Amino acid sequence: MVRFVTSLLLASLSVSAFAAQKCNSSSQCKEEKYPCCSQYGECGTGAYCLGGCDPLASFSLDSCAPMPVCESKTYTWENLDNAVTQDKYLGNSSAADWTYSGKVKTEDGNLIMTMPAKSVGTLFANNHYVWYGKISGKFKSSRGKGVVTAFILLSDVKDEIDYEWVGADLTTVQTNYYWQGVLDWQNGGNITVDGGDTFDDWHTYEIDWTPEKVDWIVDGSVQRTLKKDDTYNETSKQYEFPQTPARLQMSLWPAGQASNAQGTIDWAGGEIDWNSEDIQDPGYYYATVGEVSVKCYDAPSDVKKTGDNAYIYTNSAAMESDISITDNSTVLASLGATGLDMDLGADKSSSSSGSASNSIPTGSGGSGGMAGDNTSSDSSSDSGTSTTDGSETSTSGFTQGTPTQDSGAAGQNERVLRGSLFGVLVALVVLVTL
Protein backbone atom coordinates (compact mmCIF):
# COMPACT_ATOMS: atom_id res chain seq x y z
CA MET A 1 0.00 0.00 0.00
CA VAL A 2 1.07 3.53 -0.65
CA ARG A 3 -0.27 6.86 0.55
CA PHE A 4 -2.30 8.43 -2.23
CA VAL A 5 -0.98 11.83 -3.22
CA THR A 6 -2.41 14.45 -5.54
CA SER A 7 -0.26 16.79 -7.59
CA LEU A 8 -1.54 18.90 -10.47
CA LEU A 9 -0.43 21.85 -12.56
CA LEU A 10 -2.35 25.12 -12.21
CA ALA A 11 -3.50 27.30 -15.06
CA SER A 12 -2.82 30.95 -14.43
CA LEU A 13 -5.74 33.32 -14.01
CA SER A 14 -3.61 36.44 -14.34
CA VAL A 15 -1.28 37.86 -16.98
CA SER A 16 1.81 36.83 -15.07
CA ALA A 17 1.81 33.15 -14.05
CA PHE A 18 2.08 32.23 -10.40
CA ALA A 19 4.65 29.48 -9.85
CA ALA A 20 2.66 27.58 -7.25
CA GLN A 21 4.47 25.32 -4.86
CA LYS A 22 3.34 21.72 -5.08
CA CYS A 23 2.35 19.93 -1.89
CA ASN A 24 1.45 16.53 -0.52
CA SER A 25 1.44 14.75 2.82
CA SER A 26 5.21 14.31 2.76
CA SER A 27 6.01 17.76 1.33
CA GLN A 28 3.86 20.39 3.00
CA CYS A 29 3.40 23.99 1.89
CA LYS A 30 6.50 25.83 3.05
CA GLU A 31 5.35 29.45 3.01
CA GLU A 32 3.01 31.00 5.55
CA LYS A 33 2.02 33.42 2.80
CA TYR A 34 0.53 30.55 0.72
CA PRO A 35 -0.16 27.95 3.38
CA CYS A 36 -3.13 25.95 2.06
CA CYS A 37 -2.72 22.77 0.01
CA SER A 38 -5.70 22.39 -2.31
CA GLN A 39 -6.87 18.92 -3.20
CA TYR A 40 -5.04 19.40 -6.50
CA GLY A 41 -1.72 19.56 -4.65
CA GLU A 42 -0.86 23.25 -4.97
CA CYS A 43 -0.26 25.86 -2.27
CA GLY A 44 -2.28 29.06 -2.13
CA THR A 45 -4.86 31.16 -0.28
CA GLY A 46 -8.59 31.85 -0.49
CA ALA A 47 -10.48 28.97 -2.12
CA TYR A 48 -7.38 26.78 -1.67
CA CYS A 49 -8.22 26.91 2.05
CA LEU A 50 -11.87 25.89 1.67
CA GLY A 51 -13.46 22.62 0.48
CA GLY A 52 -10.80 20.06 -0.37
CA CYS A 53 -7.98 21.83 1.47
CA ASP A 54 -5.74 19.07 2.86
CA PRO A 55 -4.59 19.95 6.40
CA LEU A 56 -1.94 17.23 6.34
CA ALA A 57 -0.23 18.77 3.31
CA SER A 58 -0.65 22.41 4.31
CA PHE A 59 1.78 24.68 6.14
CA SER A 60 0.13 23.79 9.43
CA LEU A 61 -2.91 21.86 10.58
CA ASP A 62 -4.91 25.08 11.01
CA SER A 63 -4.02 26.59 7.63
CA CYS A 64 -7.27 25.30 6.11
CA ALA A 65 -10.46 27.07 7.12
CA PRO A 66 -12.74 25.18 9.54
CA MET A 67 -15.31 22.95 7.84
CA PRO A 68 -19.05 23.84 8.03
CA VAL A 69 -20.93 21.24 10.07
CA CYS A 70 -23.45 18.83 8.60
CA GLU A 71 -26.91 20.15 7.76
CA SER A 72 -29.87 17.83 7.24
CA LYS A 73 -31.59 19.10 4.12
CA THR A 74 -33.41 18.04 0.97
CA TYR A 75 -32.41 19.69 -2.30
CA THR A 76 -34.63 20.18 -5.32
CA TRP A 77 -33.77 22.04 -8.49
CA GLU A 78 -36.31 24.66 -9.45
CA ASN A 79 -33.37 27.05 -9.92
CA LEU A 80 -29.69 27.48 -9.06
CA ASP A 81 -30.17 30.14 -6.40
CA ASN A 82 -28.43 28.03 -3.75
CA ALA A 83 -25.30 27.44 -5.86
CA VAL A 84 -22.32 29.69 -6.69
CA THR A 85 -19.10 29.38 -8.62
CA GLN A 86 -15.97 28.80 -6.56
CA ASP A 87 -14.58 32.27 -7.20
CA LYS A 88 -17.63 33.69 -5.40
CA TYR A 89 -17.59 31.37 -2.39
CA LEU A 90 -15.69 32.35 0.75
CA GLY A 91 -16.96 29.72 3.17
CA ASN A 92 -20.43 30.96 4.08
CA SER A 93 -22.41 27.75 3.64
CA SER A 94 -25.51 29.47 5.01
CA ALA A 95 -25.59 31.66 1.91
CA ALA A 96 -24.70 28.96 -0.64
CA ASP A 97 -25.25 25.22 -0.27
CA TRP A 98 -23.25 24.29 -3.37
CA THR A 99 -20.23 25.38 -5.39
CA TYR A 100 -19.75 24.25 -8.97
CA SER A 101 -17.87 24.49 -12.22
CA GLY A 102 -18.77 23.56 -15.76
CA LYS A 103 -22.10 24.16 -17.46
CA VAL A 104 -25.18 23.27 -15.43
CA LYS A 105 -28.87 24.04 -15.75
CA THR A 106 -32.21 23.19 -14.21
CA GLU A 107 -34.98 21.62 -16.23
CA ASP A 108 -38.35 20.22 -15.13
CA GLY A 109 -37.24 20.43 -11.52
CA ASN A 110 -34.02 18.48 -12.12
CA LEU A 111 -30.35 19.45 -12.18
CA ILE A 112 -28.61 18.77 -15.50
CA MET A 113 -24.83 18.35 -15.37
CA THR A 114 -23.40 18.69 -18.88
CA MET A 115 -20.21 18.01 -20.81
CA PRO A 116 -20.04 19.75 -24.23
CA ALA A 117 -17.65 18.49 -26.88
CA LYS A 118 -13.99 18.48 -25.78
CA SER A 119 -14.83 20.14 -22.48
CA VAL A 120 -13.99 18.88 -19.03
CA GLY A 121 -17.49 18.37 -17.69
CA THR A 122 -19.19 19.47 -14.50
CA LEU A 123 -18.50 19.33 -10.78
CA PHE A 124 -21.18 20.14 -8.17
CA ALA A 125 -20.01 20.07 -4.53
CA ASN A 126 -21.96 20.59 -1.32
CA ASN A 127 -20.45 23.12 1.08
CA HIS A 128 -21.61 21.38 4.27
CA TYR A 129 -19.49 18.50 5.53
CA VAL A 130 -21.12 15.22 6.56
CA TRP A 131 -19.70 13.39 9.57
CA TYR A 132 -21.78 10.25 9.36
CA GLY A 133 -25.21 10.33 7.83
CA LYS A 134 -27.48 9.03 5.11
CA ILE A 135 -27.05 10.58 1.69
CA SER A 136 -29.60 9.91 -1.03
CA GLY A 137 -29.66 10.91 -4.70
CA LYS A 138 -32.08 10.23 -7.53
CA PHE A 139 -30.08 9.86 -10.75
CA LYS A 140 -30.12 9.20 -14.43
CA SER A 141 -26.48 8.64 -15.37
CA SER A 142 -24.84 9.86 -18.54
CA ARG A 143 -24.09 7.39 -21.32
CA GLY A 144 -21.41 6.69 -23.90
CA LYS A 145 -17.96 5.15 -23.84
CA GLY A 146 -15.43 7.20 -21.92
CA VAL A 147 -18.09 9.19 -20.01
CA VAL A 148 -18.27 8.81 -16.21
CA THR A 149 -20.87 10.11 -13.74
CA ALA A 150 -20.07 10.17 -10.02
CA PHE A 151 -21.81 10.63 -6.65
CA ILE A 152 -19.35 10.52 -3.75
CA LEU A 153 -18.37 11.56 -0.26
CA LEU A 154 -14.79 12.87 -0.06
CA SER A 155 -12.99 14.19 3.03
CA ASP A 156 -10.13 16.66 3.01
CA VAL A 157 -7.71 13.90 4.09
CA LYS A 158 -9.13 11.69 1.30
CA ASP A 159 -11.40 9.33 3.10
CA GLU A 160 -13.86 8.48 0.34
CA ILE A 161 -17.09 6.58 -0.36
CA ASP A 162 -18.12 6.33 -4.02
CA TYR A 163 -20.75 5.57 -6.60
CA GLU A 164 -19.58 5.78 -10.24
CA TRP A 165 -21.37 5.07 -13.48
CA VAL A 166 -19.29 4.20 -16.55
CA GLY A 167 -21.31 5.21 -19.59
CA ALA A 168 -20.32 2.16 -21.60
CA ASP A 169 -22.24 -0.07 -19.13
CA LEU A 170 -25.75 1.11 -18.32
CA THR A 171 -26.68 -1.92 -16.19
CA THR A 172 -24.09 -1.43 -13.43
CA VAL A 173 -22.97 1.12 -10.86
CA GLN A 174 -19.48 0.81 -9.41
CA THR A 175 -18.80 1.33 -5.70
CA ASN A 176 -15.57 1.95 -3.84
CA TYR A 177 -14.07 3.37 -0.66
CA TYR A 178 -10.69 4.70 0.47
CA TRP A 179 -9.08 5.57 3.77
CA GLN A 180 -6.71 8.57 3.65
CA GLY A 181 -6.12 7.85 -0.03
CA VAL A 182 -4.48 4.46 0.56
CA LEU A 183 -4.72 2.34 -2.58
CA ASP A 184 -6.11 -1.17 -2.28
CA TRP A 185 -7.17 -3.60 -5.00
CA GLN A 186 -9.87 -5.07 -2.81
CA ASN A 187 -12.01 -2.01 -2.15
CA GLY A 188 -14.13 -1.94 -5.30
CA GLY A 189 -17.44 -3.68 -5.95
CA ASN A 190 -20.03 -3.54 -8.73
CA ILE A 191 -23.80 -3.48 -8.26
CA THR A 192 -26.21 -4.59 -10.99
CA VAL A 193 -29.03 -2.06 -11.31
CA ASP A 194 -32.31 -3.83 -12.01
CA GLY A 195 -35.30 -2.49 -13.89
CA GLY A 196 -34.03 -0.71 -16.98
CA ASP A 197 -30.79 1.07 -17.73
CA THR A 198 -29.17 3.80 -15.67
CA PHE A 199 -29.51 6.47 -18.39
CA ASP A 200 -33.18 6.16 -19.34
CA ASP A 201 -34.58 5.24 -15.95
CA TRP A 202 -34.56 6.91 -12.56
CA HIS A 203 -32.92 5.03 -9.72
CA THR A 204 -32.23 6.10 -6.15
CA TYR A 205 -28.72 5.62 -4.77
CA GLU A 206 -27.95 5.95 -1.07
CA ILE A 207 -24.89 5.89 1.18
CA ASP A 208 -25.71 5.06 4.80
CA TRP A 209 -22.54 5.88 6.74
CA THR A 210 -22.19 5.26 10.47
CA PRO A 211 -19.12 4.89 12.71
CA GLU A 212 -19.56 1.11 12.45
CA LYS A 213 -20.32 0.49 8.77
CA VAL A 214 -21.19 1.77 5.30
CA ASP A 215 -24.19 0.51 3.32
CA TRP A 216 -24.59 1.13 -0.40
CA ILE A 217 -28.34 1.06 -1.12
CA VAL A 218 -29.95 1.03 -4.58
CA ASP A 219 -33.71 1.55 -4.93
CA GLY A 220 -34.21 0.82 -1.25
CA SER A 221 -32.28 -2.44 -1.18
CA VAL A 222 -28.92 -2.80 0.57
CA GLN A 223 -26.51 -4.05 -2.10
CA ARG A 224 -23.18 -3.82 -0.33
CA THR A 225 -21.97 -3.40 3.26
CA LEU A 226 -18.55 -2.45 4.60
CA LYS A 227 -18.01 -3.11 8.31
CA LYS A 228 -15.43 -1.05 10.15
CA ASP A 229 -14.25 -4.15 12.01
CA ASP A 230 -13.26 -5.70 8.68
CA THR A 231 -10.88 -2.82 7.88
CA TYR A 232 -8.51 -3.28 10.85
CA ASN A 233 -4.84 -3.32 9.86
CA GLU A 234 -2.85 -5.52 12.25
CA THR A 235 0.42 -3.88 11.23
CA SER A 236 -0.57 -0.26 11.77
CA LYS A 237 -3.12 -1.06 14.51
CA GLN A 238 -5.63 1.22 12.77
CA TYR A 239 -9.06 0.91 11.22
CA GLU A 240 -8.66 1.86 7.57
CA PHE A 241 -12.26 3.00 7.39
CA PRO A 242 -13.67 6.32 6.11
CA GLN A 243 -14.15 8.28 9.34
CA THR A 244 -13.56 12.01 8.80
CA PRO A 245 -15.99 14.79 7.73
CA ALA A 246 -16.62 14.62 3.99
CA ARG A 247 -18.32 16.69 1.30
CA LEU A 248 -20.97 15.34 -1.05
CA GLN A 249 -19.80 15.80 -4.62
CA MET A 250 -21.51 15.05 -7.94
CA SER A 251 -19.65 15.04 -11.22
CA LEU A 252 -19.65 14.30 -14.94
CA TRP A 253 -16.17 13.89 -16.40
CA PRO A 254 -14.29 12.63 -19.50
CA ALA A 255 -12.38 9.55 -18.36
CA GLY A 256 -12.05 8.53 -22.00
CA GLN A 257 -10.44 11.69 -23.29
CA ALA A 258 -7.55 10.86 -25.59
CA SER A 259 -4.89 12.49 -23.39
CA ASN A 260 -5.62 10.18 -20.44
CA ALA A 261 -3.64 7.05 -19.64
CA GLN A 262 -4.65 4.02 -21.68
CA GLY A 263 -5.69 2.14 -18.56
CA THR A 264 -8.22 4.83 -17.68
CA ILE A 265 -9.55 4.91 -21.23
CA ASP A 266 -9.94 1.14 -21.24
CA TRP A 267 -11.75 1.17 -17.88
CA ALA A 268 -14.13 3.82 -19.22
CA GLY A 269 -14.99 1.68 -22.25
CA GLY A 270 -12.83 3.48 -24.80
CA GLU A 271 -12.20 6.98 -26.08
CA ILE A 272 -15.05 9.45 -25.98
CA ASP A 273 -16.95 9.98 -29.21
CA TRP A 274 -17.17 13.76 -29.47
CA ASN A 275 -19.55 13.37 -32.40
CA SER A 276 -22.04 11.08 -30.65
CA GLU A 277 -25.84 11.22 -30.65
CA ASP A 278 -25.85 13.32 -27.46
CA ILE A 279 -23.21 15.73 -28.77
CA GLN A 280 -25.31 16.19 -31.91
CA ASP A 281 -28.54 16.64 -29.94
CA PRO A 282 -28.86 18.23 -27.35
CA GLY A 283 -25.21 19.31 -27.84
CA TYR A 284 -23.55 17.74 -24.81
CA TYR A 285 -23.26 14.61 -22.74
CA TYR A 286 -25.42 14.94 -19.65
CA ALA A 287 -26.44 13.36 -16.36
CA THR A 288 -29.74 14.19 -14.68
CA VAL A 289 -30.05 14.65 -10.91
CA GLY A 290 -33.39 14.65 -9.13
CA GLU A 291 -33.99 15.12 -5.43
CA VAL A 292 -30.89 14.88 -3.22
CA SER A 293 -31.14 14.59 0.55
CA VAL A 294 -28.71 14.57 3.45
CA LYS A 295 -29.66 13.25 6.88
CA CYS A 296 -26.99 14.01 9.47
CA TYR A 297 -26.28 11.48 12.21
CA ASP A 298 -25.01 12.39 15.66
CA ALA A 299 -21.26 12.85 16.01
CA PRO A 300 -19.39 10.16 17.99
CA SER A 301 -20.33 10.29 21.68
CA ASP A 302 -16.77 11.01 22.78
CA VAL A 303 -16.22 13.92 20.36
CA LYS A 304 -14.47 17.01 21.71
CA LYS A 305 -17.15 19.71 21.46
CA THR A 306 -16.92 23.41 22.27
CA GLY A 307 -19.57 24.62 19.83
CA ASP A 308 -21.72 23.56 16.90
CA ASN A 309 -20.56 25.54 13.87
CA ALA A 310 -17.47 23.86 12.44
CA TYR A 311 -15.32 20.75 12.35
CA ILE A 312 -11.54 21.09 12.81
CA TYR A 313 -8.63 18.66 12.84
CA THR A 314 -6.70 18.58 16.11
CA ASN A 315 -4.02 16.02 15.26
CA SER A 316 -2.18 15.01 12.11
CA ALA A 317 -3.17 11.36 12.54
CA ALA A 318 -6.51 12.49 11.08
CA MET A 319 -8.58 9.74 12.66
CA GLU A 320 -12.11 10.04 14.04
CA SER A 321 -10.76 10.96 17.49
CA ASP A 322 -8.80 13.84 15.95
CA ILE A 323 -11.90 15.86 15.00
CA SER A 324 -13.45 18.54 17.22
CA ILE A 325 -16.67 20.52 16.84
CA THR A 326 -16.23 24.22 17.57
CA ASP A 327 -17.85 27.62 17.16
CA ASN A 328 -15.02 28.73 14.86
CA SER A 329 -16.03 30.77 11.84
CA THR A 330 -15.83 29.05 8.44
CA VAL A 331 -15.87 32.31 6.44
CA LEU A 332 -12.81 33.95 4.90
CA ALA A 333 -12.81 37.74 4.55
CA SER A 334 -11.24 37.64 1.10
CA LEU A 335 -9.49 35.47 -1.46
CA GLY A 336 -6.24 36.44 0.23
CA ALA A 337 -7.31 35.10 3.62
CA THR A 338 -6.41 31.70 5.08
CA GLY A 339 -7.16 29.65 8.17
CA LEU A 340 -4.19 31.39 9.79
CA ASP A 341 -5.73 34.83 9.23
CA MET A 342 -9.43 34.56 8.43
CA ASP A 343 -9.90 38.36 8.46
CA LEU A 344 -7.12 39.25 6.03
CA GLY A 345 -8.46 41.63 3.38
CA ALA A 346 -11.66 42.41 5.28
CA ASP A 347 -11.31 46.06 4.36
CA LYS A 348 -10.99 45.26 0.65
CA SER A 349 -13.14 43.49 -1.90
CA SER A 350 -12.57 39.76 -2.15
CA SER A 351 -11.51 40.09 -5.77
CA SER A 352 -8.69 42.48 -4.90
CA SER A 353 -7.31 40.57 -1.93
CA GLY A 354 -4.71 38.14 -3.15
CA SER A 355 -3.95 37.41 -6.80
CA ALA A 356 -6.47 35.19 -8.56
CA SER A 357 -3.80 32.76 -9.72
CA ASN A 358 -3.06 31.55 -6.20
CA SER A 359 -6.45 31.99 -4.56
CA ILE A 360 -8.75 29.89 -6.77
CA PRO A 361 -7.42 26.35 -7.34
CA THR A 362 -7.45 25.03 -10.89
CA GLY A 363 -6.42 21.60 -12.08
CA SER A 364 -5.26 20.20 -15.39
CA GLY A 365 -6.39 16.63 -15.04
CA GLY A 366 -7.18 14.26 -12.23
CA SER A 367 -9.48 11.36 -11.58
CA GLY A 368 -10.52 10.03 -8.26
CA GLY A 369 -8.26 12.43 -6.57
CA MET A 370 -5.48 11.22 -8.82
CA ALA A 371 -3.00 13.60 -10.37
CA GLY A 372 -3.09 14.15 -14.08
CA ASP A 373 -1.26 15.70 -16.98
CA ASN A 374 -2.65 18.46 -19.15
CA THR A 375 -5.96 17.45 -20.68
CA SER A 376 -7.52 18.53 -23.89
CA SER A 377 -10.01 21.32 -23.45
CA ASP A 378 -11.35 23.27 -26.38
CA SER A 379 -11.49 26.93 -25.47
CA SER A 380 -14.34 27.34 -27.93
CA SER A 381 -16.62 25.17 -25.81
CA ASP A 382 -16.65 27.58 -22.88
CA SER A 383 -15.67 31.19 -22.77
CA GLY A 384 -14.03 31.23 -19.38
CA THR A 385 -16.74 33.43 -17.95
CA SER A 386 -19.93 32.74 -16.06
CA THR A 387 -23.31 33.24 -17.67
CA THR A 388 -26.72 33.04 -16.05
CA ASP A 389 -30.24 33.20 -17.44
CA GLY A 390 -32.07 32.07 -14.31
CA SER A 391 -32.10 28.40 -15.25
CA GLU A 392 -28.69 27.78 -16.78
CA THR A 393 -25.22 28.69 -15.57
CA SER A 394 -21.72 27.88 -16.70
CA THR A 395 -18.16 28.49 -15.72
CA SER A 396 -15.16 27.48 -17.72
CA GLY A 397 -15.07 24.12 -16.04
CA PHE A 398 -12.78 21.81 -14.14
CA THR A 399 -10.63 19.04 -15.47
CA GLN A 400 -10.58 15.43 -14.56
CA GLY A 401 -8.49 12.62 -15.88
CA THR A 402 -5.71 10.30 -14.82
CA PRO A 403 -1.95 10.62 -15.04
CA THR A 404 -0.19 9.35 -18.08
CA GLN A 405 3.43 8.45 -18.47
CA ASP A 406 5.29 9.42 -21.61
CA SER A 407 4.61 6.01 -23.05
CA GLY A 408 0.87 6.44 -22.59
CA ALA A 409 0.77 3.43 -20.30
CA ALA A 410 -1.03 3.55 -17.02
CA GLY A 411 1.06 4.47 -14.00
CA GLN A 412 1.20 2.09 -11.05
CA ASN A 413 -1.28 4.08 -8.98
CA GLU A 414 -3.71 4.17 -11.86
CA ARG A 415 -3.38 0.44 -12.56
CA VAL A 416 -4.44 -0.12 -8.97
CA LEU A 417 -7.37 2.28 -9.07
CA ARG A 418 -8.63 2.59 -12.62
CA GLY A 419 -11.49 0.16 -11.88
CA SER A 420 -13.29 2.72 -9.81
CA LEU A 421 -11.51 5.71 -8.39
CA PHE A 422 -13.60 8.86 -8.64
CA GLY A 423 -12.58 12.08 -9.99
CA VAL A 424 -11.53 15.27 -8.51
CA LEU A 425 -13.17 17.73 -6.98
CA VAL A 426 -12.53 21.37 -6.77
CA ALA A 427 -14.19 23.62 -9.30
CA LEU A 428 -11.92 25.45 -11.74
CA VAL A 429 -12.32 28.81 -13.23
CA VAL A 430 -10.45 28.28 -16.54
CA LEU A 431 -10.35 25.63 -19.21
CA VAL A 432 -6.93 24.08 -19.71
CA THR A 433 -5.74 23.81 -23.28
CA LEU A 434 -2.88 21.77 -24.65
Foldseek 3Di string as FASTA:
>chain_A
DDQAWAAFDFDFPDPDFDPWDFWTLVAADQDPQFFWQALNGTTFFALSQAPLTACSRGNHQLFRFFAFADDWDKDWPPFQQQEEASQPDFFPCVRHQKYKAFKWFDDPGWIKWWAFFQAFTMKIWTRHWAQFWKKKWKKQFWAFFQKKKWKKWAHSLGFIWIWMDQRPDFQKIKIFTFFSRDFDLPGIDIDGHDDDGSHPDIKMWMWGGDPAKIFTAIRRHTDDIDGQVVQQDPVVRDRGHRGAITMIMIIMGRQQDPQFFPLLSVLSPHHGDNVDPVCVPPNTTIMIIGMMTIGHDDQPPPAAEADATGWGAQDSVPHSNRIHHHPGGRGALALSHTSVGRDPQVVHHNPPRGDPRRRAGAGQEAFLSAYAYHGAHDCVVAVLDWDDDRGMIHASWGHYYHYADPVSHHDPSCVSPSNDRGTDHGTDRHTTHD
